[in-house]
Amino acid sequence: MVRAILFDLDETLILDEPVTRAALAEAAALAGPGVDQARLAERAWSEARRLWAEGPYAAYCERIGHSAAEGLWARYDRGEHPAIAGLRAWAPGYRTAAWQAALAAQGIRDDDLARSMVGRFAAARRRYPRYPEVDPLLAALRARGLRLGIVTNGVTDLQRTKLAGSGLEEAFDAVVISGEIDCGKPDPGIFHHILGEMGVPPAEAVMVGDNPGRDVAGGRAAGLRTVWVQRNGRARDPRHPADLECTDLSAILPWLDGLA
């Protein structure tokens, strides 16, 4: 019997990478028509990933699943972990350095422009479109009497902002964010944490997500059934097979009927 469905947030319920790419393009457009803007945006993202991996908080961010792209717009104004205060101080320089390096690759030295790109990206990134099948799916699951939860990696301010901005905050019975409990997917602890709050044993829950290594592997290790939804052409990982693999979350409904 299935009593609860747990969902990942980014790239499962709301678009993430496509919005990031669009925001990078908007920021790169500030360089004007004489610059290869597509190359500038791509270089900024690669430089951000490099600087993030070399930065002083890489291990912490890896543990809670907080990415370089998210570091380009998180406020770090919520949370008591010492790394949050550190990131708040370190991130402004990181963001400017990523755009400075991207501009320098095209022979441009303009710190004011780099700082303007930082601001433009952050503003453009604050969009939270839901995948089209999400609303009818959640309504159908509710109609079946299932309990709903979100298990998401990241820092508190960013993930809470996404939940509120996407209009999903009130649609779930429970939410757990890795940065709030200092435990991130695929650690089974984060799944056990939310199921404890919901009063549902792992054998009666399903984890749904787009990341085989975090959502599927973590859910399975915690004793849940799992659903993998393919987004943005992500390749299937044969090391982490899910109980259901789909390209549209609507496939969950007939699958649940089959389980019943």
Foldseek 3Di string as FASTA:
>chain_A
DAFEEEEAADLFWWDAVVLLLVLLLQLLCLVDDVDPSNQLSVQLVVLLQVCLCVDPCNVLCVQLVAGSSNLLADCLPDADPPVSVVSNVPSVVSQLVSNQVSCVVVPDHDSVSSNSSSVSSNVSSLAIETDPCNVVVLVVCVVVNHAYEYAYGDADRVVVSNCVRHVNVPSHPYYDYCRHVVGHFLALVSVVVGCVVVVHQQCNYEFEYADQRGGQNSSVVNNHAYEHAHGPNDDDDVVRDGPYYYPHPVVVVVVVVVVD
